Amino acid sequence: MAKILIAEDEDTLRRFVARALVMDGHDIVECADGAEALERLETEAFDLLLSDIRMPVMDGIALATQTATLTPAMPILLMTGYAEQRERAEPLMRIVVDVVEKPFSLPQIRQAVADALMAKAA
């Protein structure tokens, strides 16, 4: 399956999503903020970035922008629980596959990841 980098500062949510994606057969790397995720992206290859928008140190928008520069072909999927954060992501829609609204169900996030990976293959 795919190697996916999850950047999410909320431990419980990050682990919840990671477990679900591992059950789908994906290889998961977890990071607690955007800066840590960027370090991993600079040294490892991933098939997808799944990132929260609102995080300490480096937010998901800055991470998505830098990721698109580093690996332009890699799909990026953002998550947010804040309407204003979704609006901040609108200019990034040329580099972001989708923005998933929190709270989401396991089937919703699993489908969003599957769709993002299919977009890469297309």
Protein backbone atom coordinates (compact mmCIF):
# COMPACT_ATOMS: atom_id res chain seq x y z
CA MET A 1 0.00 0.00 0.00
CA ALA A 2 1.17 3.57 0.64
CA LYS A 3 3.66 5.21 2.97
CA ILE A 4 1.77 8.06 4.66
CA LEU A 5 3.08 10.88 6.84
CA ILE A 6 0.56 12.11 9.41
CA ALA A 7 1.20 15.53 10.98
CA GLU A 8 -1.26 16.17 13.81
CA ASP A 9 -0.58 17.75 17.20
CA GLU A 10 -3.51 16.06 18.96
CA ASP A 11 -2.05 12.71 20.06
CA THR A 12 -5.36 10.88 20.40
CA LEU A 13 -6.59 11.86 16.94
CA ARG A 14 -3.22 11.16 15.31
CA ARG A 15 -3.09 7.65 16.81
CA PHE A 16 -6.75 7.01 15.93
CA VAL A 17 -6.18 7.88 12.27
CA ALA A 18 -2.84 6.04 12.16
CA ARG A 19 -4.39 2.83 13.50
CA ALA A 20 -7.19 2.96 10.95
CA LEU A 21 -4.77 3.48 8.07
CA VAL A 22 -2.47 0.70 9.29
CA MET A 23 -5.52 -1.61 9.27
CA ASP A 24 -5.90 -0.67 5.58
CA GLY A 25 -2.33 -1.87 5.02
CA HIS A 26 -0.55 1.49 4.89
CA ASP A 27 2.87 2.23 6.37
CA ILE A 28 2.42 5.21 8.72
CA VAL A 29 4.87 7.74 10.15
CA GLU A 30 3.48 10.07 12.81
CA CYS A 31 4.66 13.61 13.64
CA ALA A 32 3.32 15.99 16.29
CA ASP A 33 3.90 19.22 14.34
CA GLY A 34 4.73 20.60 10.93
CA ALA A 35 8.41 21.21 11.61
CA GLU A 36 8.96 17.58 12.62
CA ALA A 37 7.03 16.46 9.54
CA LEU A 38 9.11 18.67 7.25
CA GLU A 39 12.30 17.12 8.65
CA ARG A 40 10.95 13.66 7.79
CA LEU A 41 9.92 14.80 4.31
CA GLU A 42 13.46 16.03 3.67
CA THR A 43 14.95 12.60 4.41
CA GLU A 44 12.26 10.05 3.47
CA ALA A 45 9.92 9.42 0.55
CA PHE A 46 6.18 9.34 1.19
CA ASP A 47 3.14 8.68 -0.98
CA LEU A 48 0.84 11.08 0.90
CA LEU A 49 0.95 13.86 3.48
CA LEU A 50 -2.06 13.99 5.82
CA SER A 51 -1.78 17.12 7.95
CA ASP A 52 -3.80 19.13 10.40
CA ILE A 53 -3.93 22.82 9.50
CA ARG A 54 -3.71 24.21 13.02
CA MET A 55 -0.52 23.03 14.77
CA PRO A 56 2.24 24.59 16.87
CA VAL A 57 5.72 25.36 15.52
CA MET A 58 4.70 25.09 11.84
CA ASP A 59 1.09 24.95 10.74
CA GLY A 60 -0.30 22.72 8.02
CA ILE A 61 -0.51 25.50 5.45
CA ALA A 62 3.19 26.30 5.76
CA LEU A 63 3.94 22.57 5.73
CA ALA A 64 1.80 22.01 2.60
CA THR A 65 3.49 24.91 0.81
CA GLN A 66 6.99 23.64 1.58
CA THR A 67 5.99 20.04 0.79
CA ALA A 68 4.69 21.06 -2.64
CA THR A 69 8.06 22.66 -3.34
CA LEU A 70 10.02 19.63 -2.10
CA THR A 71 7.88 16.92 -3.70
CA PRO A 72 5.40 18.46 -6.14
CA ALA A 73 3.91 15.12 -7.22
CA MET A 74 2.99 13.99 -3.70
CA PRO A 75 -0.70 14.44 -2.81
CA ILE A 76 -1.49 16.51 0.27
CA LEU A 77 -4.64 16.07 2.34
CA LEU A 78 -5.42 18.60 5.08
CA MET A 79 -7.66 18.27 8.14
CA THR A 80 -9.29 21.02 10.17
CA GLY A 81 -11.97 21.61 12.74
CA TYR A 82 -12.06 25.36 12.15
CA ALA A 83 -14.00 27.06 9.35
CA GLU A 84 -11.55 29.96 9.17
CA GLN A 85 -8.67 27.51 8.72
CA ARG A 86 -10.46 25.91 5.78
CA GLU A 87 -10.78 29.38 4.25
CA ARG A 88 -7.03 29.91 4.75
CA ALA A 89 -6.44 26.71 2.76
CA GLU A 90 -8.51 27.82 -0.26
CA PRO A 91 -5.52 29.40 -2.09
CA LEU A 92 -3.70 26.06 -1.71
CA MET A 93 -6.31 24.00 -3.52
CA ARG A 94 -4.02 23.79 -6.56
CA ILE A 95 -1.56 21.76 -4.41
CA VAL A 96 -3.96 20.17 -1.90
CA VAL A 97 -6.24 17.28 -2.88
CA ASP A 98 -8.87 18.10 -0.25
CA VAL A 99 -9.54 19.53 3.21
CA VAL A 100 -11.32 17.09 5.53
CA GLU A 101 -13.58 18.67 8.16
CA LYS A 102 -13.21 17.52 11.78
CA PRO A 103 -14.83 15.74 13.42
CA PHE A 104 -14.81 12.95 10.87
CA SER A 105 -15.60 9.26 11.09
CA LEU A 106 -13.10 6.50 10.35
CA PRO A 107 -14.85 5.64 7.08
CA GLN A 108 -14.68 9.31 6.02
CA ILE A 109 -10.93 9.70 6.64
CA ARG A 110 -10.17 6.30 5.12
CA GLN A 111 -12.14 7.26 2.00
CA ALA A 112 -10.44 10.67 1.80
CA VAL A 113 -7.03 8.98 1.96
CA ALA A 114 -8.04 6.40 -0.68
CA ASP A 115 -9.33 9.22 -2.94
CA ALA A 116 -6.11 11.23 -2.49
CA LEU A 117 -3.99 8.20 -3.36
CA MET A 118 -6.16 7.51 -6.42
CA ALA A 119 -5.71 11.12 -7.52
CA LYS A 120 -1.96 10.55 -7.46
CA ALA A 121 -2.28 7.42 -9.58
CA ALA A 122 -4.48 9.16 -12.17
